[in-house]
N, C-alpha and C. Protein backbone atom coordinates (compact mmCIF):
# COMPACT_ATOMS: atom_id res chain seq x y z
N UNK A 1 47.27 24.80 32.51
CA UNK A 1 46.21 23.89 32.17
C UNK A 1 45.24 24.59 31.22
N UNK A 2 44.91 23.91 30.15
CA UNK A 2 44.01 24.49 29.16
C UNK A 2 42.58 24.15 29.52
N UNK A 3 41.74 25.10 29.37
CA UNK A 3 40.32 24.91 29.63
C UNK A 3 39.61 24.79 28.29
N UNK A 4 39.13 23.56 27.95
CA UNK A 4 38.45 23.38 26.67
C UNK A 4 36.95 23.51 26.87
N UNK A 5 36.33 24.08 25.89
CA UNK A 5 34.88 24.27 25.97
C UNK A 5 34.17 22.99 25.55
N UNK A 6 33.08 22.72 26.20
CA UNK A 6 32.27 21.56 25.86
C UNK A 6 30.87 22.03 25.52
N UNK A 7 30.22 21.31 24.62
CA UNK A 7 28.86 21.66 24.25
C UNK A 7 28.78 22.04 22.78
N UNK A 8 27.57 22.43 22.39
CA UNK A 8 27.32 22.78 21.00
C UNK A 8 27.21 24.29 20.86
N UNK A 9 27.58 24.77 19.70
CA UNK A 9 27.43 26.19 19.45
C UNK A 9 26.00 26.47 19.01
N UNK A 10 25.63 27.71 19.03
CA UNK A 10 24.28 28.11 18.63
C UNK A 10 24.02 27.75 17.17
N UNK A 11 25.00 27.89 16.33
CA UNK A 11 24.84 27.57 14.91
C UNK A 11 24.57 26.08 14.73
N UNK A 12 25.28 25.23 15.45
CA UNK A 12 25.05 23.79 15.34
C UNK A 12 23.63 23.42 15.79
N UNK A 13 23.15 24.02 16.85
CA UNK A 13 21.79 23.75 17.32
C UNK A 13 20.75 24.21 16.30
N UNK A 14 20.96 25.37 15.70
CA UNK A 14 20.02 25.88 14.70
C UNK A 14 20.00 24.96 13.48
N UNK A 15 21.16 24.47 13.06
CA UNK A 15 21.22 23.57 11.91
C UNK A 15 20.45 22.29 12.20
N UNK A 16 20.60 21.74 13.39
CA UNK A 16 19.88 20.52 13.76
C UNK A 16 18.37 20.78 13.76
N UNK A 17 17.94 21.90 14.29
CA UNK A 17 16.51 22.23 14.33
C UNK A 17 15.96 22.39 12.91
N UNK A 18 16.72 23.01 12.03
CA UNK A 18 16.28 23.17 10.64
C UNK A 18 16.16 21.81 9.96
N UNK A 19 17.12 20.93 10.18
CA UNK A 19 17.06 19.59 9.58
C UNK A 19 15.85 18.82 10.10
N UNK A 20 15.60 18.90 11.40
CA UNK A 20 14.42 18.23 11.96
C UNK A 20 13.12 18.81 11.39
N UNK A 21 13.09 20.11 11.18
CA UNK A 21 11.91 20.74 10.57
C UNK A 21 11.67 20.26 9.15
N UNK A 22 12.73 20.13 8.39
CA UNK A 22 12.60 19.64 7.01
C UNK A 22 12.11 18.19 7.01
N UNK A 23 12.65 17.36 7.88
CA UNK A 23 12.20 15.97 7.97
C UNK A 23 10.73 15.89 8.37
N UNK A 24 10.33 16.72 9.32
CA UNK A 24 8.93 16.72 9.76
C UNK A 24 8.01 17.18 8.64
N UNK A 25 8.43 18.17 7.87
CA UNK A 25 7.59 18.68 6.79
C UNK A 25 7.41 17.64 5.68
N UNK A 26 8.41 16.82 5.45
CA UNK A 26 8.27 15.79 4.41
C UNK A 26 7.52 14.56 4.91
N UNK A 27 7.59 14.26 6.19
CA UNK A 27 6.93 13.06 6.73
C UNK A 27 5.48 13.31 7.12
N UNK A 28 5.12 14.53 7.45
CA UNK A 28 3.77 14.83 7.94
C UNK A 28 2.66 14.48 6.96
N UNK A 29 2.77 14.76 5.67
CA UNK A 29 1.69 14.38 4.75
C UNK A 29 1.42 12.88 4.72
N UNK A 30 2.43 12.06 4.95
CA UNK A 30 2.22 10.61 4.99
C UNK A 30 1.29 10.23 6.14
N UNK A 31 1.47 10.85 7.29
CA UNK A 31 0.68 10.51 8.47
C UNK A 31 -0.71 11.13 8.43
N UNK A 32 -0.87 12.23 7.75
CA UNK A 32 -2.17 12.88 7.67
C UNK A 32 -3.14 12.04 6.85
N UNK A 33 -2.67 11.34 5.83
CA UNK A 33 -3.54 10.58 4.94
C UNK A 33 -3.81 9.16 5.45
N UNK A 34 -3.39 8.83 6.64
CA UNK A 34 -3.61 7.48 7.15
C UNK A 34 -5.09 7.17 7.34
N UNK A 35 -5.91 8.16 7.65
CA UNK A 35 -7.34 7.89 7.84
C UNK A 35 -7.98 7.48 6.52
N UNK A 36 -7.56 8.08 5.42
CA UNK A 36 -8.07 7.67 4.11
C UNK A 36 -7.67 6.25 3.77
N UNK A 37 -6.42 5.90 4.08
CA UNK A 37 -5.95 4.54 3.84
C UNK A 37 -6.72 3.54 4.70
N UNK A 38 -7.02 3.92 5.93
CA UNK A 38 -7.76 3.02 6.82
C UNK A 38 -9.18 2.79 6.31
N UNK A 39 -9.82 3.84 5.82
CA UNK A 39 -11.18 3.69 5.29
C UNK A 39 -11.18 2.80 4.05
N UNK A 40 -10.18 2.97 3.20
CA UNK A 40 -10.08 2.14 2.00
C UNK A 40 -9.85 0.68 2.39
N UNK A 41 -8.98 0.45 3.36
CA UNK A 41 -8.72 -0.92 3.82
C UNK A 41 -9.98 -1.54 4.42
N UNK A 42 -10.75 -0.75 5.14
CA UNK A 42 -11.98 -1.26 5.75
C UNK A 42 -12.96 -1.71 4.68
N UNK A 43 -13.20 -0.87 3.69
CA UNK A 43 -14.19 -1.21 2.66
C UNK A 43 -13.71 -2.39 1.82
N UNK A 44 -12.42 -2.48 1.55
CA UNK A 44 -11.90 -3.62 0.79
C UNK A 44 -12.02 -4.91 1.60
N UNK A 45 -11.80 -4.83 2.90
CA UNK A 45 -11.95 -6.00 3.76
C UNK A 45 -13.39 -6.48 3.83
N UNK A 46 -14.32 -5.54 3.96
CA UNK A 46 -15.74 -5.90 4.00
C UNK A 46 -16.17 -6.50 2.66
N UNK A 47 -15.70 -5.91 1.57
CA UNK A 47 -16.05 -6.44 0.24
C UNK A 47 -15.51 -7.86 0.07
N UNK A 48 -14.31 -8.11 0.56
CA UNK A 48 -13.75 -9.46 0.49
C UNK A 48 -14.55 -10.45 1.31
N UNK A 49 -15.00 -10.02 2.49
CA UNK A 49 -15.81 -10.90 3.33
C UNK A 49 -17.15 -11.20 2.67
N UNK A 50 -17.76 -10.20 2.06
CA UNK A 50 -19.05 -10.40 1.37
C UNK A 50 -18.86 -11.36 0.19
N UNK A 51 -17.79 -11.17 -0.57
CA UNK A 51 -17.53 -12.05 -1.71
C UNK A 51 -17.29 -13.49 -1.25
N UNK A 52 -16.54 -13.66 -0.18
CA UNK A 52 -16.27 -15.01 0.34
C UNK A 52 -17.54 -15.67 0.85
N UNK A 53 -18.34 -14.91 1.60
CA UNK A 53 -19.58 -15.50 2.14
C UNK A 53 -20.55 -15.86 1.01
N UNK A 54 -20.58 -15.05 -0.04
CA UNK A 54 -21.45 -15.36 -1.18
C UNK A 54 -20.99 -16.63 -1.88
N UNK A 55 -19.68 -16.79 -2.04
CA UNK A 55 -19.15 -17.99 -2.70
C UNK A 55 -19.42 -19.24 -1.88
N UNK A 56 -19.26 -19.14 -0.56
CA UNK A 56 -19.51 -20.30 0.30
C UNK A 56 -20.99 -20.67 0.27
N UNK A 57 -21.86 -19.67 0.36
CA UNK A 57 -23.30 -19.95 0.33
C UNK A 57 -23.71 -20.52 -1.03
N UNK A 58 -23.13 -20.00 -2.11
CA UNK A 58 -23.44 -20.50 -3.45
C UNK A 58 -23.01 -21.96 -3.60
N UNK A 59 -21.82 -22.28 -3.08
CA UNK A 59 -21.33 -23.66 -3.16
C UNK A 59 -22.23 -24.59 -2.34
N UNK A 60 -22.65 -24.13 -1.17
CA UNK A 60 -23.57 -24.93 -0.36
C UNK A 60 -24.90 -25.12 -1.04
N UNK A 61 -25.34 -24.11 -1.76
CA UNK A 61 -26.61 -24.18 -2.50
C UNK A 61 -26.53 -25.23 -3.60
N UNK A 62 -25.38 -25.35 -4.23
CA UNK A 62 -25.22 -26.35 -5.30
C UNK A 62 -25.28 -27.77 -4.73
N UNK A 63 -24.86 -27.92 -3.47
CA UNK A 63 -24.90 -29.24 -2.83
C UNK A 63 -26.31 -29.54 -2.32
N UNK A 64 -26.91 -28.56 -1.63
CA UNK A 64 -28.23 -28.77 -1.03
C UNK A 64 -28.98 -27.44 -1.05
N UNK A 65 -29.84 -27.26 -2.01
CA UNK A 65 -30.52 -25.97 -2.17
C UNK A 65 -31.55 -25.72 -1.08
N UNK A 66 -32.02 -26.74 -0.39
CA UNK A 66 -33.00 -26.54 0.67
C UNK A 66 -32.33 -25.96 1.91
N UNK A 67 -31.19 -26.50 2.29
CA UNK A 67 -30.48 -26.05 3.49
C UNK A 67 -29.76 -24.73 3.25
N UNK A 68 -29.26 -24.51 2.05
CA UNK A 68 -28.47 -23.32 1.74
C UNK A 68 -29.11 -22.53 0.60
N UNK A 69 -30.18 -21.80 0.87
CA UNK A 69 -30.76 -20.99 -0.21
C UNK A 69 -29.79 -19.87 -0.60
N UNK A 70 -29.82 -19.49 -1.87
CA UNK A 70 -28.90 -18.46 -2.35
C UNK A 70 -29.64 -17.46 -3.23
N UNK A 71 -29.39 -16.18 -2.97
CA UNK A 71 -29.90 -15.10 -3.82
C UNK A 71 -28.82 -14.02 -3.88
N UNK A 72 -28.58 -13.48 -5.07
CA UNK A 72 -27.53 -12.46 -5.22
C UNK A 72 -27.81 -11.23 -4.37
N UNK A 73 -29.06 -10.83 -4.27
CA UNK A 73 -29.40 -9.66 -3.46
C UNK A 73 -29.07 -9.86 -2.00
N UNK A 74 -29.35 -11.07 -1.48
CA UNK A 74 -29.01 -11.37 -0.10
C UNK A 74 -27.50 -11.40 0.10
N UNK A 75 -26.79 -11.93 -0.88
CA UNK A 75 -25.33 -12.02 -0.78
C UNK A 75 -24.71 -10.63 -0.71
N UNK A 76 -25.16 -9.73 -1.56
CA UNK A 76 -24.56 -8.40 -1.62
C UNK A 76 -24.93 -7.56 -0.39
N UNK A 77 -26.08 -7.81 0.19
CA UNK A 77 -26.47 -7.02 1.37
C UNK A 77 -25.84 -7.54 2.65
N UNK A 78 -25.06 -8.61 2.56
CA UNK A 78 -24.34 -9.11 3.73
C UNK A 78 -25.14 -10.07 4.57
N UNK A 79 -26.25 -10.59 4.06
CA UNK A 79 -27.09 -11.50 4.84
C UNK A 79 -26.40 -12.82 5.14
N UNK A 80 -25.39 -13.19 4.37
CA UNK A 80 -24.70 -14.45 4.60
C UNK A 80 -23.49 -14.28 5.53
N UNK A 81 -23.21 -13.06 5.96
CA UNK A 81 -22.15 -12.83 6.94
C UNK A 81 -22.69 -13.23 8.32
N UNK A 82 -21.85 -13.76 9.16
CA UNK A 82 -22.29 -14.26 10.46
C UNK A 82 -22.92 -13.15 11.30
N UNK A 83 -22.32 -11.97 11.32
CA UNK A 83 -22.86 -10.86 12.13
C UNK A 83 -23.51 -9.79 11.27
N UNK A 84 -23.70 -10.07 9.99
CA UNK A 84 -24.30 -9.08 9.10
C UNK A 84 -23.30 -8.03 8.65
N UNK A 85 -23.79 -7.08 7.90
CA UNK A 85 -22.94 -6.01 7.37
C UNK A 85 -22.52 -5.09 8.52
N UNK A 86 -21.24 -4.68 8.58
CA UNK A 86 -20.79 -3.77 9.63
C UNK A 86 -21.53 -2.43 9.58
N UNK A 87 -21.56 -1.75 10.70
CA UNK A 87 -22.23 -0.45 10.79
C UNK A 87 -21.57 0.54 9.83
N UNK A 88 -22.37 1.26 9.09
CA UNK A 88 -21.86 2.26 8.15
C UNK A 88 -21.55 1.69 6.77
N UNK A 89 -21.80 0.41 6.57
CA UNK A 89 -21.51 -0.23 5.28
C UNK A 89 -22.79 -0.72 4.63
N UNK A 90 -22.81 -0.72 3.32
CA UNK A 90 -23.96 -1.21 2.56
C UNK A 90 -23.46 -1.78 1.24
N UNK A 91 -24.22 -2.74 0.72
CA UNK A 91 -23.89 -3.34 -0.56
C UNK A 91 -25.02 -3.12 -1.55
N UNK A 92 -24.67 -2.85 -2.79
CA UNK A 92 -25.66 -2.63 -3.84
C UNK A 92 -25.38 -3.62 -4.97
N UNK A 93 -26.41 -4.40 -5.32
CA UNK A 93 -26.30 -5.39 -6.39
C UNK A 93 -26.89 -4.80 -7.67
N UNK A 94 -26.07 -4.72 -8.71
CA UNK A 94 -26.53 -4.24 -10.01
C UNK A 94 -26.19 -5.29 -11.05
N UNK A 95 -27.18 -6.03 -11.47
CA UNK A 95 -27.01 -7.06 -12.51
C UNK A 95 -25.88 -8.03 -12.20
N UNK A 96 -25.81 -8.50 -10.95
CA UNK A 96 -24.80 -9.48 -10.57
C UNK A 96 -23.46 -8.92 -10.16
N UNK A 97 -23.32 -7.60 -10.17
CA UNK A 97 -22.10 -6.96 -9.70
C UNK A 97 -22.40 -6.26 -8.39
N UNK A 98 -21.65 -6.60 -7.36
CA UNK A 98 -21.87 -6.04 -6.03
C UNK A 98 -20.83 -4.96 -5.75
N UNK A 99 -21.30 -3.80 -5.30
CA UNK A 99 -20.41 -2.71 -4.90
C UNK A 99 -20.68 -2.43 -3.43
N UNK A 100 -19.66 -2.57 -2.59
CA UNK A 100 -19.77 -2.32 -1.16
C UNK A 100 -19.27 -0.92 -0.87
N UNK A 101 -20.02 -0.17 -0.07
CA UNK A 101 -19.65 1.18 0.33
C UNK A 101 -19.64 1.28 1.85
N UNK A 102 -18.57 1.82 2.40
CA UNK A 102 -18.45 2.05 3.84
C UNK A 102 -17.98 3.49 4.05
N UNK A 103 -18.73 4.24 4.84
CA UNK A 103 -18.34 5.62 5.17
C UNK A 103 -18.01 6.43 3.93
N UNK A 104 -18.85 6.35 2.92
CA UNK A 104 -18.73 7.10 1.66
C UNK A 104 -17.54 6.68 0.81
N UNK A 105 -16.92 5.55 1.10
CA UNK A 105 -15.82 5.03 0.29
C UNK A 105 -16.31 3.73 -0.34
N UNK A 106 -16.24 3.65 -1.67
CA UNK A 106 -16.74 2.47 -2.39
C UNK A 106 -15.59 1.56 -2.79
N UNK A 107 -15.83 0.26 -2.66
CA UNK A 107 -14.86 -0.73 -3.10
C UNK A 107 -15.08 -1.02 -4.58
N UNK A 108 -14.09 -1.60 -5.20
CA UNK A 108 -14.23 -2.03 -6.58
C UNK A 108 -15.30 -3.11 -6.64
N UNK A 109 -16.20 -2.99 -7.59
CA UNK A 109 -17.28 -3.97 -7.71
C UNK A 109 -16.74 -5.35 -8.05
N UNK A 110 -17.42 -6.37 -7.55
CA UNK A 110 -17.04 -7.74 -7.86
C UNK A 110 -18.27 -8.50 -8.33
N UNK A 111 -18.04 -9.52 -9.13
CA UNK A 111 -19.13 -10.30 -9.71
C UNK A 111 -19.56 -11.37 -8.72
N UNK A 112 -20.85 -11.41 -8.48
CA UNK A 112 -21.41 -12.44 -7.59
C UNK A 112 -21.58 -13.74 -8.35
N UNK A 113 -21.43 -14.88 -7.64
CA UNK A 113 -21.63 -16.17 -8.32
C UNK A 113 -23.09 -16.38 -8.65
């Protein structure tokens, strides 16, 4: 009766560990930069909300200026958002262009109506 060996050799195990190390080294930078992507997504989302609220308030102002007063400075500072500007975020209005900044990350400026 022949006795066959079962299992992996040391060389096979080392090769697998090396391959896993190479995969980890190439994938790790993608996961490290996720916090930067999250901050960018946050500021872009807040800027979109500010732009939408400004447009809605502006449209309401065109229908009834007494009920829906509109000012670009109020729009950019988030006063037309239901809960106001999120913590750590601020908007700056410069000649009708609003730039929203959250946690030191600035969104692309957009033109207020």
